Amino acid sequence: MVTKERMDELKKRFENPDDREAVAAELASLCDEDIEAVCEITRQQMAETHAEVDAMLVKEQLKEISPMISLSYIAKTYFNKTRAWLCQRVNGSIVNGKPAEFTEEEKKTLTRALNDMGRQLMSVSIS
C-alpha cells in the first residue's frame, strides 16, 4: 500500500547513493500499484521541501543581522504577533504538522520592517 510514511522513508533512503537503485525499484513497484497515490504524495513532499527551502533562505538572509535586531520588537511592532510566531517562521519550525512559513505579504512586511529600522538607525547621530 502506498502511504506518506513509506514514501517519506524512500525519500530519506534515496539520499544514500548506495540505496538509490533499491529505492528506484521500490518506487517503480509503488507506481505499478497506485500511480495516482504516488503522484499525490510526491506533490506533498515537493511542497514540504519547497517550504523548507524558503525557511532556510529567510534564516540565511537574516543570519548576519539577527544578533543585532530584536525579533520580539519586530514581531510586536510590525506583525502584532509574538516573538515565538516570528521565530517559527524564520526557522521553519513544524507547527500543526507542517513547516511554518511566511506568506508573500508577510515577507514584504518583514522587508519593510527591516528597511524602516535601518532608516531609523541611520537617522541617529550622537553628539
Protein backbone atom coordinates (compact mmCIF):
# COMPACT_ATOMS: atom_id res chain seq x y z
CA MET A 1 0.00 0.00 0.00
CA VAL A 2 1.23 3.48 -0.88
CA THR A 3 1.46 5.68 2.24
CA LYS A 4 3.05 9.03 3.00
CA GLU A 5 5.20 7.37 5.65
CA ARG A 6 6.55 4.82 3.18
CA MET A 7 7.23 7.49 0.57
CA ASP A 8 9.00 9.64 3.20
CA GLU A 9 11.14 6.66 4.14
CA LEU A 10 12.05 6.10 0.47
CA LYS A 11 12.88 9.78 0.09
CA LYS A 12 15.20 9.63 3.08
CA ARG A 13 16.86 6.43 1.84
CA PHE A 14 17.38 7.99 -1.60
CA GLU A 15 19.86 10.42 -0.02
CA ASN A 16 22.27 7.48 0.36
CA PRO A 17 23.83 6.78 -3.07
CA ASP A 18 24.21 3.09 -2.17
CA ASP A 19 20.43 2.75 -1.71
CA ARG A 20 19.31 4.57 -4.85
CA GLU A 21 18.86 1.53 -7.07
CA ALA A 22 16.83 -0.31 -4.43
CA VAL A 23 14.73 2.82 -3.82
CA ALA A 24 14.11 3.23 -7.55
CA ALA A 25 12.94 -0.38 -7.75
CA GLU A 26 10.59 0.06 -4.77
CA LEU A 27 9.25 3.30 -6.21
CA ALA A 28 8.60 1.61 -9.56
CA SER A 29 6.69 -1.11 -7.72
CA LEU A 30 4.62 1.50 -5.87
CA CYS A 31 3.89 3.27 -9.17
CA ASP A 32 2.62 -0.01 -10.60
CA GLU A 33 0.43 -0.41 -7.52
CA ASP A 34 -1.10 3.10 -7.45
CA ILE A 35 0.44 5.77 -9.63
CA GLU A 36 -2.09 8.43 -8.60
CA ALA A 37 -1.30 8.00 -4.91
CA VAL A 38 2.43 8.14 -5.64
CA CYS A 39 1.94 11.36 -7.63
CA GLU A 40 -0.17 12.98 -4.92
CA ILE A 41 2.27 12.08 -2.14
CA THR A 42 5.18 13.26 -4.30
CA ARG A 43 3.41 16.63 -4.76
CA GLN A 44 3.03 16.86 -0.97
CA GLN A 45 6.71 16.05 -0.48
CA MET A 46 7.68 18.68 -3.04
CA ALA A 47 5.57 21.30 -1.25
CA GLU A 48 7.21 20.36 2.07
CA THR A 49 10.67 20.62 0.52
CA HIS A 50 9.78 23.99 -1.01
CA ALA A 51 8.66 25.28 2.40
CA GLU A 52 11.88 24.02 3.99
CA VAL A 53 13.98 25.76 1.34
CA ASP A 54 12.03 29.01 1.79
CA ALA A 55 12.58 28.83 5.55
CA MET A 56 16.30 28.18 5.05
CA LEU A 57 16.54 31.16 2.72
CA VAL A 58 14.89 33.53 5.21
CA LYS A 59 17.05 32.20 8.04
CA GLU A 60 20.19 32.51 5.89
CA GLN A 61 19.31 36.06 4.85
CA LEU A 62 18.83 37.10 8.49
CA LYS A 63 21.85 35.16 9.81
CA GLU A 64 24.25 38.09 9.99
CA ILE A 65 21.84 40.66 11.39
CA SER A 66 19.76 38.51 13.74
CA PRO A 67 22.12 39.06 16.70
CA MET A 68 21.71 42.82 16.19
CA ILE A 69 17.94 43.00 15.99
CA SER A 70 15.11 42.27 18.37
CA LEU A 71 12.77 39.68 16.92
CA SER A 72 10.36 40.48 19.75
CA TYR A 73 10.24 44.12 18.66
CA ILE A 74 9.71 43.21 15.00
CA ALA A 75 7.02 40.65 15.82
CA LYS A 76 5.08 43.00 18.07
CA THR A 77 5.54 46.26 16.16
CA TYR A 78 5.20 45.11 12.58
CA PHE A 79 3.14 41.93 12.81
CA ASN A 80 1.24 42.33 16.11
CA LYS A 81 2.39 38.78 16.93
CA THR A 82 4.66 37.11 19.46
CA ARG A 83 8.39 36.50 19.15
CA ALA A 84 7.64 32.77 19.03
CA TRP A 85 5.40 33.27 16.00
CA LEU A 86 8.16 35.12 14.16
CA CYS A 87 10.86 32.63 15.18
CA GLN A 88 8.72 29.72 13.96
CA ARG A 89 8.58 31.27 10.51
CA VAL A 90 12.22 32.29 10.40
CA ASN A 91 13.30 28.79 11.44
CA GLY A 92 10.65 26.84 9.51
CA SER A 93 9.52 25.09 12.69
CA ILE A 94 6.86 22.41 12.46
CA VAL A 95 3.53 23.87 13.57
CA ASN A 96 0.35 21.78 13.42
CA GLY A 97 2.23 19.12 11.48
CA LYS A 98 3.68 21.32 8.75
CA PRO A 99 6.56 23.79 8.45
CA ALA A 100 5.68 27.35 9.42
CA GLU A 101 6.42 29.78 6.63
CA PHE A 102 5.88 33.39 5.72
CA THR A 103 3.19 34.32 3.26
CA GLU A 104 4.28 36.61 0.43
CA GLU A 105 2.62 39.53 2.23
CA GLU A 106 4.46 38.69 5.47
CA LYS A 107 7.77 38.61 3.57
CA LYS A 108 7.00 42.09 2.28
CA THR A 109 6.14 43.24 5.81
CA LEU A 110 9.41 41.82 7.15
CA THR A 111 11.34 43.59 4.40
CA ARG A 112 9.54 46.87 5.18
CA ALA A 113 10.28 46.39 8.89
CA LEU A 114 13.99 45.88 8.30
CA ASN A 115 14.14 48.85 5.92
CA ASP A 116 12.24 51.04 8.40
CA MET A 117 14.54 50.04 11.24
CA GLY A 118 17.56 50.71 9.03
CA ARG A 119 16.31 54.21 8.21
CA GLN A 120 15.72 54.89 11.90
CA LEU A 121 19.22 53.71 12.79
CA MET A 122 20.79 55.82 10.06
CA SER A 123 19.00 58.94 11.31
CA VAL A 124 20.57 58.67 14.76
CA SER A 125 23.55 60.90 15.39
CA ILE A 126 25.23 61.02 18.78
CA SER A 127 26.75 64.36 19.62
